[in-house]
């Protein structure tokens, strides 16, 4: 979701590398240029096999009505990013556990100078992990202006910024598209929306706004795989060239939100007649191999 900073204009740096010339001197007056050293090959991690057993390390089944478990979840508050139209709150009107599920509700209402409210929850500083499997069973809203997402961000974002921290979008949908279209994306310093070269894939599923689907990510030292209902539709490889391409040897944390409008979700406007919208989460589960 090109996250934690607004989709600002990209600042591009041009790096000019000076070429080095080397020569080897023989025993006479002639000189012979030395052959350049070969460029070291990238060290690509050995392919990881799917573990025979996944061990649970974090879960929320949302079985207790009311507020979210504060030991598992925190909230983003305010106007955060991407020129979105909503103000994020932690109010029960916008986020709560109800009927055995997490409900994130976007509302059309004046609040702190904004015309819409919604919520964004995250496991930051509570549960952060490196490698593993994430499963989220969810039913998303649809309609012009909605932008639900399930994603992760690098825990070092405050130090290195976005996109250097790395981002994995497990699920995104924009409401001006059919609710059957789901997007998965990986952002890094080398590949991101600021450069227009993010690594992404789109998959068609049964109506995601009427049915629950399991959105999953498997993260290994050598790759990231994205799934819907067990069907893999994106693989992002660690090519061994370094942190600009693969910042994913450090921890990430999970985020779930429902944005309204913004740089992508608002491209065709916001249909005010459709509010309120609900992003419903049946469960969140994280496993280690």
C-alpha atoms as a PDB file:
ATOM      1  CA  UNK A   1       0.000   0.000   0.000  1.00  0.00           C
ATOM      2  CA  UNK A   2       2.971   2.421  -0.533  1.00  0.00           C
ATOM      3  CA  UNK A   3       2.832   2.944   3.153  1.00  0.00           C
ATOM      4  CA  UNK A   4       3.518   4.918   6.254  1.00  0.00           C
ATOM      5  CA  UNK A   5       4.332   7.961   4.192  1.00  0.00           C
ATOM      6  CA  UNK A   6       2.095   9.685   1.652  1.00  0.00           C
ATOM      7  CA  UNK A   7       2.700   8.709  -1.955  1.00  0.00           C
ATOM      8  CA  UNK A   8       4.988  11.640  -2.364  1.00  0.00           C
ATOM      9  CA  UNK A   9       6.886  12.649  -5.471  1.00  0.00           C
ATOM     10  CA  UNK A  10       9.908  10.419  -5.810  1.00  0.00           C
ATOM     11  CA  UNK A  11      13.338  11.865  -5.139  1.00  0.00           C
ATOM     12  CA  UNK A  12      15.693  10.220  -7.508  1.00  0.00           C
ATOM     13  CA  UNK A  13      19.430  10.053  -7.014  1.00  0.00           C
ATOM     14  CA  UNK A  14      21.865   9.566  -9.831  1.00  0.00           C
ATOM     15  CA  UNK A  15      24.982   7.689  -8.789  1.00  0.00           C
ATOM     16  CA  UNK A  16      27.985   8.018 -10.993  1.00  0.00           C
ATOM     17  CA  UNK A  17      30.523   5.311 -10.515  1.00  0.00           C
ATOM     18  CA  UNK A  18      34.089   6.111 -11.509  1.00  0.00           C
ATOM     19  CA  UNK A  19      35.821   3.425 -13.551  1.00  0.00           C
ATOM     20  CA  UNK A  20      39.180   2.195 -12.299  1.00  0.00           C
ATOM     21  CA  UNK A  21      41.989   1.299 -14.667  1.00  0.00           C
ATOM     22  CA  UNK A  22      44.677  -1.082 -13.518  1.00  0.00           C
ATOM     23  CA  UNK A  23      47.911  -2.179 -15.245  1.00  0.00           C
ATOM     24  CA  UNK A  24      50.554  -4.827 -14.536  1.00  0.00           C
ATOM     25  CA  UNK A  25      54.183  -4.062 -15.339  1.00  0.00           C
ATOM     26  CA  UNK A  26      56.415  -6.751 -16.871  1.00  0.00           C
ATOM     27  CA  UNK A  27      60.174  -7.156 -16.670  1.00  0.00           C
ATOM     28  CA  UNK A  28      60.797  -4.962 -19.726  1.00  0.00           C
ATOM     29  CA  UNK A  29      59.733  -1.482 -20.751  1.00  0.00           C
ATOM     30  CA  UNK A  30      56.301  -2.611 -22.045  1.00  0.00           C
ATOM     31  CA  UNK A  31      53.161  -2.644 -19.928  1.00  0.00           C
ATOM     32  CA  UNK A  32      50.194  -4.974 -20.230  1.00  0.00           C
ATOM     33  CA  UNK A  33      46.755  -3.974 -18.919  1.00  0.00           C
ATOM     34  CA  UNK A  34      45.526  -6.292 -16.200  1.00  0.00           C
ATOM     35  CA  UNK A  35      42.342  -8.216 -16.765  1.00  0.00           C
ATOM     36  CA  UNK A  36      39.509  -6.852 -14.643  1.00  0.00           C
ATOM     37  CA  UNK A  37      38.429  -9.012 -11.740  1.00  0.00           C
ATOM     38  CA  UNK A  38      35.154 -10.801 -12.381  1.00  0.00           C
ATOM     39  CA  UNK A  39      32.090  -9.444 -10.616  1.00  0.00           C
ATOM     40  CA  UNK A  40      31.208 -11.743  -7.730  1.00  0.00           C
ATOM     41  CA  UNK A  41      28.075 -13.732  -8.354  1.00  0.00           C
ATOM     42  CA  UNK A  42      25.070 -12.959  -6.187  1.00  0.00           C
ATOM     43  CA  UNK A  43      24.680 -15.354  -3.288  1.00  0.00           C
ATOM     44  CA  UNK A  44      21.130 -16.631  -3.591  1.00  0.00           C
ATOM     45  CA  UNK A  45      19.773 -18.471  -0.554  1.00  0.00           C
ATOM     46  CA  UNK A  46      19.120 -22.172  -0.881  1.00  0.00           C
ATOM     47  CA  UNK A  47      15.443 -22.663  -1.752  1.00  0.00           C
ATOM     48  CA  UNK A  48      13.318 -23.233   1.346  1.00  0.00           C
ATOM     49  CA  UNK A  49      10.897 -26.117   1.463  1.00  0.00           C
ATOM     50  CA  UNK A  50       7.427 -25.729   2.950  1.00  0.00           C
ATOM     51  CA  UNK A  51       7.641 -26.898   6.576  1.00  0.00           C
ATOM     52  CA  UNK A  52       5.951 -30.191   7.363  1.00  0.00           C
ATOM     53  CA  UNK A  53       4.443 -28.534  10.437  1.00  0.00           C
ATOM     54  CA  UNK A  54       3.630 -24.877  11.056  1.00  0.00           C
ATOM     55  CA  UNK A  55       3.809 -23.899  14.753  1.00  0.00           C
ATOM     56  CA  UNK A  56       1.392 -21.152  15.934  1.00  0.00           C
ATOM     57  CA  UNK A  57       3.143 -18.111  17.418  1.00  0.00           C
ATOM     58  CA  UNK A  58       0.349 -15.494  17.333  1.00  0.00           C
ATOM     59  CA  UNK A  59      -3.394 -15.625  16.889  1.00  0.00           C
ATOM     60  CA  UNK A  60      -6.568 -13.714  17.523  1.00  0.00           C
ATOM     61  CA  UNK A  61      -9.890 -15.485  17.026  1.00  0.00           C
ATOM     62  CA  UNK A  62     -11.847 -12.374  18.153  1.00  0.00           C
ATOM     63  CA  UNK A  63     -13.998 -14.396  20.538  1.00  0.00           C
ATOM     64  CA  UNK A  64     -14.521 -11.663  23.162  1.00  0.00           C
ATOM     65  CA  UNK A  65     -16.875  -8.844  22.189  1.00  0.00           C
ATOM     66  CA  UNK A  66     -15.856  -5.229  22.718  1.00  0.00           C
ATOM     67  CA  UNK A  67     -12.423  -3.657  22.449  1.00  0.00           C
ATOM     68  CA  UNK A  68      -9.443  -5.409  20.918  1.00  0.00           C
ATOM     69  CA  UNK A  69      -6.873  -7.137  23.139  1.00  0.00           C
ATOM     70  CA  UNK A  70      -4.366  -4.348  23.956  1.00  0.00           C
ATOM     71  CA  UNK A  71      -1.576  -6.905  24.344  1.00  0.00           C
ATOM     72  CA  UNK A  72      -1.993  -7.801  20.667  1.00  0.00           C
ATOM     73  CA  UNK A  73      -3.212  -4.678  18.886  1.00  0.00           C
ATOM     74  CA  UNK A  74      -2.595  -0.966  18.783  1.00  0.00           C
ATOM     75  CA  UNK A  75      -4.253   1.750  16.705  1.00  0.00           C
ATOM     76  CA  UNK A  76      -3.167   4.377  14.247  1.00  0.00           C
ATOM     77  CA  UNK A  77      -4.831   7.681  15.106  1.00  0.00           C
ATOM     78  CA  UNK A  78      -5.452  10.643  12.821  1.00  0.00           C
ATOM     79  CA  UNK A  79      -4.690  11.469   9.210  1.00  0.00           C
ATOM     80  CA  UNK A  80      -1.841   9.156   8.306  1.00  0.00           C
ATOM     81  CA  UNK A  81      -0.902   8.773   4.614  1.00  0.00           C
ATOM     82  CA  UNK A  82      -1.684   8.613   0.904  1.00  0.00           C
ATOM     83  CA  UNK A  83      -3.969  11.679   0.888  1.00  0.00           C
ATOM     84  CA  UNK A  84      -6.780   9.499   2.193  1.00  0.00           C
ATOM     85  CA  UNK A  85     -10.073  11.103   3.205  1.00  0.00           C
ATOM     86  CA  UNK A  86     -10.653   9.420   6.578  1.00  0.00           C
ATOM     87  CA  UNK A  87      -9.561  10.193  10.122  1.00  0.00           C
ATOM     88  CA  UNK A  88      -8.478   6.994  11.892  1.00  0.00           C
ATOM     89  CA  UNK A  89      -9.826   6.490  15.421  1.00  0.00           C
ATOM     90  CA  UNK A  90      -9.913   3.821  18.134  1.00  0.00           C
ATOM     91  CA  UNK A  91     -13.603   4.453  18.893  1.00  0.00           C
ATOM     92  CA  UNK A  92     -15.994   1.521  19.053  1.00  0.00           C
ATOM     93  CA  UNK A  93     -17.934   3.156  16.221  1.00  0.00           C
ATOM     94  CA  UNK A  94     -14.951   2.440  13.971  1.00  0.00           C
ATOM     95  CA  UNK A  95     -13.300  -0.665  15.429  1.00  0.00           C
ATOM     96  CA  UNK A  96     -14.628  -3.419  17.693  1.00  0.00           C
ATOM     97  CA  UNK A  97     -15.028  -7.149  18.164  1.00  0.00           C
ATOM     98  CA  UNK A  98     -18.591  -8.164  17.293  1.00  0.00           C
ATOM     99  CA  UNK A  99     -20.199 -11.564  16.644  1.00  0.00           C
ATOM    100  CA  UNK A 100     -16.859 -13.339  16.766  1.00  0.00           C
ATOM    101  CA  UNK A 101     -15.023 -11.077  14.346  1.00  0.00           C
ATOM    102  CA  UNK A 102     -13.034  -7.885  14.141  1.00  0.00           C
ATOM    103  CA  UNK A 103     -15.105  -5.153  12.513  1.00  0.00           C
ATOM    104  CA  UNK A 104     -13.428  -2.091  11.026  1.00  0.00           C
ATOM    105  CA  UNK A 105     -16.211   0.297  10.069  1.00  0.00           C
ATOM    106  CA  UNK A 106     -15.797   3.354   7.868  1.00  0.00           C
ATOM    107  CA  UNK A 107     -18.437   6.024   8.448  1.00  0.00           C
ATOM    108  CA  UNK A 108     -19.420   9.225   6.704  1.00  0.00           C
ATOM    109  CA  UNK A 109     -19.446  11.752   9.541  1.00  0.00           C
ATOM    110  CA  UNK A 110     -17.672  15.002  10.393  1.00  0.00           C
ATOM    111  CA  UNK A 111     -14.814  14.337  12.800  1.00  0.00           C
ATOM    112  CA  UNK A 112     -11.802  16.516  13.646  1.00  0.00           C
ATOM    113  CA  UNK A 113     -12.146  18.402  10.374  1.00  0.00           C
ATOM    114  CA  UNK A 114     -12.555  15.298   8.201  1.00  0.00           C
ATOM    115  CA  UNK A 115     -15.675  13.988   6.472  1.00  0.00           C
ATOM    116  CA  UNK A 116     -15.066  10.283   7.145  1.00  0.00           C
ATOM    117  CA  UNK A 117     -13.812   8.065   9.960  1.00  0.00           C
ATOM    118  CA  UNK A 118     -12.355   4.568   9.933  1.00  0.00           C
ATOM    119  CA  UNK A 119      -9.708   2.475  11.709  1.00  0.00           C
ATOM    120  CA  UNK A 120      -6.286   0.946  11.221  1.00  0.00           C
ATOM    121  CA  UNK A 121      -4.970  -1.642  13.687  1.00  0.00           C
ATOM    122  CA  UNK A 122      -1.454  -3.032  13.984  1.00  0.00           C
ATOM    123  CA  UNK A 123       0.719  -5.381  16.040  1.00  0.00           C
ATOM    124  CA  UNK A 124       3.632  -2.939  16.200  1.00  0.00           C
ATOM    125  CA  UNK A 125       5.654  -3.164  19.453  1.00  0.00           C
ATOM    126  CA  UNK A 126       3.439  -6.079  20.474  1.00  0.00           C
ATOM    127  CA  UNK A 127       4.143  -8.816  17.945  1.00  0.00           C
ATOM    128  CA  UNK A 128       6.854  -8.535  15.306  1.00  0.00           C
ATOM    129  CA  UNK A 129       8.278 -11.494  13.437  1.00  0.00           C
ATOM    130  CA  UNK A 130      10.809 -12.665  10.852  1.00  0.00           C
ATOM    131  CA  UNK A 131       9.799 -15.429   8.420  1.00  0.00           C
ATOM    132  CA  UNK A 132       6.693 -17.564   8.835  1.00  0.00           C
ATOM    133  CA  UNK A 133       3.128 -17.871   7.583  1.00  0.00           C
ATOM    134  CA  UNK A 134       0.324 -15.339   8.046  1.00  0.00           C
ATOM    135  CA  UNK A 135      -3.336 -16.273   7.558  1.00  0.00           C
ATOM    136  CA  UNK A 136      -6.190 -13.759   7.716  1.00  0.00           C
ATOM    137  CA  UNK A 137      -9.772 -14.823   6.968  1.00  0.00           C
ATOM    138  CA  UNK A 138     -11.634 -11.724   5.858  1.00  0.00           C
ATOM    139  CA  UNK A 139     -14.591 -10.275   4.031  1.00  0.00           C
ATOM    140  CA  UNK A 140     -13.954  -6.898   2.436  1.00  0.00           C
ATOM    141  CA  UNK A 141     -16.197  -3.952   1.551  1.00  0.00           C
ATOM    142  CA  UNK A 142     -16.651  -2.647  -1.961  1.00  0.00           C
ATOM    143  CA  UNK A 143     -17.821   0.519  -3.714  1.00  0.00           C
ATOM    144  CA  UNK A 144     -16.116   3.645  -5.042  1.00  0.00           C
ATOM    145  CA  UNK A 145     -13.767   5.087  -2.472  1.00  0.00           C
ATOM    146  CA  UNK A 146     -13.035   1.983  -0.379  1.00  0.00           C
ATOM    147  CA  UNK A 147      -9.488   0.685   0.004  1.00  0.00           C
ATOM    148  CA  UNK A 148      -9.175  -2.239   2.473  1.00  0.00           C
ATOM    149  CA  UNK A 149      -5.808  -3.832   3.105  1.00  0.00           C
ATOM    150  CA  UNK A 150      -3.967  -6.537   5.040  1.00  0.00           C
ATOM    151  CA  UNK A 151      -0.221  -5.919   5.035  1.00  0.00           C
ATOM    152  CA  UNK A 152       3.096  -5.833   6.890  1.00  0.00           C
ATOM    153  CA  UNK A 153       5.770  -3.178   7.390  1.00  0.00           C
ATOM    154  CA  UNK A 154       9.389  -3.380   8.504  1.00  0.00           C
ATOM    155  CA  UNK A 155       9.823  -2.751  12.230  1.00  0.00           C
ATOM    156  CA  UNK A 156      12.764  -0.451  11.466  1.00  0.00           C
ATOM    157  CA  UNK A 157      10.628   2.049   9.535  1.00  0.00           C
ATOM    158  CA  UNK A 158      11.338   4.858  12.012  1.00  0.00           C
ATOM    159  CA  UNK A 159      15.074   4.400  11.409  1.00  0.00           C
ATOM    160  CA  UNK A 160      15.334   3.755   7.673  1.00  0.00           C
ATOM    161  CA  UNK A 161      11.977   5.050   6.392  1.00  0.00           C
ATOM    162  CA  UNK A 162       9.698   3.703   3.692  1.00  0.00           C
ATOM    163  CA  UNK A 163      10.242   1.893   1.325  1.00  0.00           C
ATOM    164  CA  UNK A 164      13.664   0.862   2.629  1.00  0.00           C
ATOM    165  CA  UNK A 165      12.004  -0.934   5.541  1.00  0.00           C
ATOM    166  CA  UNK A 166      10.109  -3.207   3.144  1.00  0.00           C
ATOM    167  CA  UNK A 167       6.372  -3.759   2.817  1.00  0.00           C
ATOM    168  CA  UNK A 168       4.319  -6.845   1.974  1.00  0.00           C
ATOM    169  CA  UNK A 169       0.736  -6.237   0.849  1.00  0.00           C
ATOM    170  CA  UNK A 170      -1.020  -9.542   1.486  1.00  0.00           C
ATOM    171  CA  UNK A 171      -4.358  -8.188   0.260  1.00  0.00           C
ATOM    172  CA  UNK A 172      -5.575  -4.932  -1.264  1.00  0.00           C
ATOM    173  CA  UNK A 173      -8.740  -4.054  -3.126  1.00  0.00           C
ATOM    174  CA  UNK A 174      -9.897  -0.729  -4.521  1.00  0.00           C
ATOM    175  CA  UNK A 175     -13.655  -0.313  -4.561  1.00  0.00           C
ATOM    176  CA  UNK A 176     -13.953   1.160  -8.037  1.00  0.00           C
ATOM    177  CA  UNK A 177     -12.794  -2.230  -9.322  1.00  0.00           C
ATOM    178  CA  UNK A 178     -14.929  -5.376  -9.071  1.00  0.00           C
ATOM    179  CA  UNK A 179     -14.726  -6.991  -5.620  1.00  0.00           C
ATOM    180  CA  UNK A 180     -13.407 -10.099  -7.371  1.00  0.00           C
ATOM    181  CA  UNK A 181     -10.025  -8.427  -8.024  1.00  0.00           C
ATOM    182  CA  UNK A 182      -7.420  -8.765  -5.281  1.00  0.00           C
ATOM    183  CA  UNK A 183      -3.925  -7.269  -5.437  1.00  0.00           C
ATOM    184  CA  UNK A 184      -0.738  -8.476  -3.742  1.00  0.00           C
ATOM    185  CA  UNK A 185       2.416  -6.354  -3.797  1.00  0.00           C
ATOM    186  CA  UNK A 186       5.960  -6.177  -2.451  1.00  0.00           C
ATOM    187  CA  UNK A 187       7.707  -2.815  -1.979  1.00  0.00           C
ATOM    188  CA  UNK A 188      11.435  -2.321  -1.331  1.00  0.00           C
ATOM    189  CA  UNK A 189      13.979   0.426  -1.926  1.00  0.00           C
ATOM    190  CA  UNK A 190      14.637  -1.039  -5.372  1.00  0.00           C
ATOM    191  CA  UNK A 191      11.007  -1.775  -6.291  1.00  0.00           C
ATOM    192  CA  UNK A 192       8.191   0.503  -5.166  1.00  0.00           C
ATOM    193  CA  UNK A 193       5.401   2.815  -6.302  1.00  0.00           C
ATOM    194  CA  UNK A 194       7.635   5.880  -6.154  1.00  0.00           C
ATOM    195  CA  UNK A 195       9.678   4.300  -8.935  1.00  0.00           C
ATOM    196  CA  UNK A 196       6.629   2.717 -10.574  1.00  0.00           C
ATOM    197  CA  UNK A 197       8.203  -0.742 -10.570  1.00  0.00           C
ATOM    198  CA  UNK A 198       6.694  -2.416  -7.509  1.00  0.00           C
ATOM    199  CA  UNK A 199       6.407  -6.194  -7.698  1.00  0.00           C
ATOM    200  CA  UNK A 200       2.708  -6.967  -7.884  1.00  0.00           C
ATOM    201  CA  UNK A 201       0.116  -9.454  -9.046  1.00  0.00           C
ATOM    202  CA  UNK A 202      -3.664  -9.451  -9.345  1.00  0.00           C
ATOM    203  CA  UNK A 203      -5.909 -12.464  -8.874  1.00  0.00           C
ATOM    204  CA  UNK A 204      -9.604 -13.025  -9.473  1.00  0.00           C
ATOM    205  CA  UNK A 205     -11.610 -14.714  -6.703  1.00  0.00           C
ATOM    206  CA  UNK A 206     -15.249 -15.297  -5.909  1.00  0.00           C
ATOM    207  CA  UNK A 207     -17.019 -12.183  -4.653  1.00  0.00           C
ATOM    208  CA  UNK A 208     -14.776 -11.015  -1.821  1.00  0.00           C
ATOM    209  CA  UNK A 209     -17.351  -8.550  -0.508  1.00  0.00           C
ATOM    210  CA  UNK A 210     -19.970 -11.247   0.098  1.00  0.00           C
ATOM    211  CA  UNK A 211     -17.825 -14.211   1.134  1.00  0.00           C
ATOM    212  CA  UNK A 212     -14.918 -14.760   3.503  1.00  0.00           C
ATOM    213  CA  UNK A 213     -11.596 -15.762   1.962  1.00  0.00           C
ATOM    214  CA  UNK A 214      -8.260 -16.752   3.504  1.00  0.00           C
ATOM    215  CA  UNK A 215      -5.506 -14.331   2.509  1.00  0.00           C
ATOM    216  CA  UNK A 216      -2.084 -15.773   3.318  1.00  0.00           C
ATOM    217  CA  UNK A 217       1.606 -15.018   3.050  1.00  0.00           C
ATOM    218  CA  UNK A 218       4.543 -17.403   3.472  1.00  0.00           C
ATOM    219  CA  UNK A 219       7.876 -15.696   4.100  1.00  0.00           C
ATOM    220  CA  UNK A 220      11.140 -17.594   3.773  1.00  0.00           C
ATOM    221  CA  UNK A 221      14.798 -16.455   3.639  1.00  0.00           C
ATOM    222  CA  UNK A 222      14.763 -16.936  -0.143  1.00  0.00           C
ATOM    223  CA  UNK A 223      11.242 -15.828  -1.157  1.00  0.00           C
ATOM    224  CA  UNK A 224       7.800 -14.496  -0.280  1.00  0.00           C
ATOM    225  CA  UNK A 225       4.685 -16.306  -1.544  1.00  0.00           C
ATOM    226  CA  UNK A 226       1.146 -14.882  -1.494  1.00  0.00           C
ATOM    227  CA  UNK A 227      -2.007 -17.019  -1.532  1.00  0.00           C
ATOM    228  CA  UNK A 228      -5.786 -16.747  -1.620  1.00  0.00           C
ATOM    229  CA  UNK A 229      -7.686 -19.794  -0.370  1.00  0.00           C
ATOM    230  CA  UNK A 230      -4.545 -21.884  -0.804  1.00  0.00           C
ATOM    231  CA  UNK A 231      -3.914 -20.746  -4.373  1.00  0.00           C
ATOM    232  CA  UNK A 232      -0.492 -19.140  -4.829  1.00  0.00           C
ATOM    233  CA  UNK A 233      -0.524 -16.111  -7.111  1.00  0.00           C
ATOM    234  CA  UNK A 234       2.684 -14.174  -6.394  1.00  0.00           C
ATOM    235  CA  UNK A 235       6.268 -15.133  -5.595  1.00  0.00           C
ATOM    236  CA  UNK A 236       8.929 -12.520  -4.833  1.00  0.00           C
ATOM    237  CA  UNK A 237      12.481 -13.887  -4.856  1.00  0.00           C
ATOM    238  CA  UNK A 238      15.531 -12.925  -2.834  1.00  0.00           C
ATOM    239  CA  UNK A 239      18.108 -12.537  -5.608  1.00  0.00           C
ATOM    240  CA  UNK A 240      21.007 -12.225  -3.165  1.00  0.00           C
ATOM    241  CA  UNK A 241      21.999  -8.693  -4.238  1.00  0.00           C
ATOM    242  CA  UNK A 242      21.360  -7.012  -0.909  1.00  0.00           C
ATOM    243  CA  UNK A 243      19.003  -5.021   1.258  1.00  0.00           C
ATOM    244  CA  UNK A 244      17.656  -2.723  -1.470  1.00  0.00           C
ATOM    245  CA  UNK A 245      16.007  -5.722  -3.083  1.00  0.00           C
ATOM    246  CA  UNK A 246      15.608  -7.898   0.015  1.00  0.00           C
ATOM    247  CA  UNK A 247      15.097  -6.033   3.319  1.00  0.00           C
ATOM    248  CA  UNK A 248      13.163  -9.039   4.604  1.00  0.00           C
ATOM    249  CA  UNK A 249      15.764 -10.592   6.900  1.00  0.00           C
ATOM    250  CA  UNK A 250      14.534  -8.229   9.625  1.00  0.00           C
ATOM    251  CA  UNK A 251      11.248  -8.247  11.510  1.00  0.00           C
ATOM    252  CA  UNK A 252       7.910  -6.969  10.222  1.00  0.00           C
ATOM    253  CA  UNK A 253       4.598  -6.247  11.942  1.00  0.00           C
ATOM    254  CA  UNK A 254       1.032  -6.772  10.773  1.00  0.00           C
ATOM    255  CA  UNK A 255      -1.475  -4.052   9.816  1.00  0.00           C
ATOM    256  CA  UNK A 256      -5.181  -4.225   8.893  1.00  0.00           C
ATOM    257  CA  UNK A 257      -7.061  -1.118   7.801  1.00  0.00           C
ATOM    258  CA  UNK A 258      -9.904   0.317   5.775  1.00  0.00           C
ATOM    259  CA  UNK A 259      -8.954   3.517   3.972  1.00  0.00           C
ATOM    260  CA  UNK A 260     -11.373   5.820   2.200  1.00  0.00           C
ATOM    261  CA  UNK A 261     -10.262   7.693  -0.917  1.00  0.00           C
ATOM    262  CA  UNK A 262      -6.594   8.454  -1.278  1.00  0.00           C
ATOM    263  CA  UNK A 263      -4.065   8.239  -4.083  1.00  0.00           C
ATOM    264  CA  UNK A 264      -5.341   4.877  -5.303  1.00  0.00           C
ATOM    265  CA  UNK A 265      -8.646   4.211  -3.586  1.00  0.00           C
ATOM    266  CA  UNK A 266     -10.021   7.623  -4.533  1.00  0.00           C
ATOM    267  CA  UNK A 267      -9.070   7.662  -8.208  1.00  0.00           C
ATOM    268  CA  UNK A 268     -12.735   7.511  -9.209  1.00  0.00           C
ATOM    269  CA  UNK A 269     -14.124   9.436  -6.270  1.00  0.00           C
ATOM    270  CA  UNK A 270     -16.114   8.352  -3.206  1.00  0.00           C
ATOM    271  CA  UNK A 271     -19.734   7.185  -3.353  1.00  0.00           C
ATOM    272  CA  UNK A 272     -21.274   8.654  -0.185  1.00  0.00           C
ATOM    273  CA  UNK A 273     -24.511   6.719  -0.666  1.00  0.00           C
ATOM    274  CA  UNK A 274     -22.821   3.422   0.262  1.00  0.00           C
ATOM    275  CA  UNK A 275     -21.753   4.187   3.842  1.00  0.00           C
ATOM    276  CA  UNK A 276     -21.140   2.695   6.297  1.00  0.00           C
ATOM    277  CA  UNK A 277     -18.579   0.143   5.056  1.00  0.00           C
ATOM    278  CA  UNK A 278     -17.341  -2.867   7.034  1.00  0.00           C
ATOM    279  CA  UNK A 279     -14.032  -4.705   6.743  1.00  0.00           C
ATOM    280  CA  UNK A 280     -14.635  -7.948   8.676  1.00  0.00           C
ATOM    281  CA  UNK A 281     -11.881 -10.238   9.984  1.00  0.00           C
ATOM    282  CA  UNK A 282     -12.772 -13.714  11.234  1.00  0.00           C
ATOM    283  CA  UNK A 283      -9.286 -14.560  12.502  1.00  0.00           C
ATOM    284  CA  UNK A 284      -5.594 -13.687  12.300  1.00  0.00           C
ATOM    285  CA  UNK A 285      -2.998 -16.464  12.687  1.00  0.00           C
ATOM    286  CA  UNK A 286       0.789 -16.423  12.392  1.00  0.00           C
ATOM    287  CA  UNK A 287       2.954 -19.524  12.312  1.00  0.00           C
ATOM    288  CA  UNK A 288       6.657 -20.364  12.319  1.00  0.00           C
ATOM    289  CA  UNK A 289       8.100 -23.275  10.377  1.00  0.00           C
END
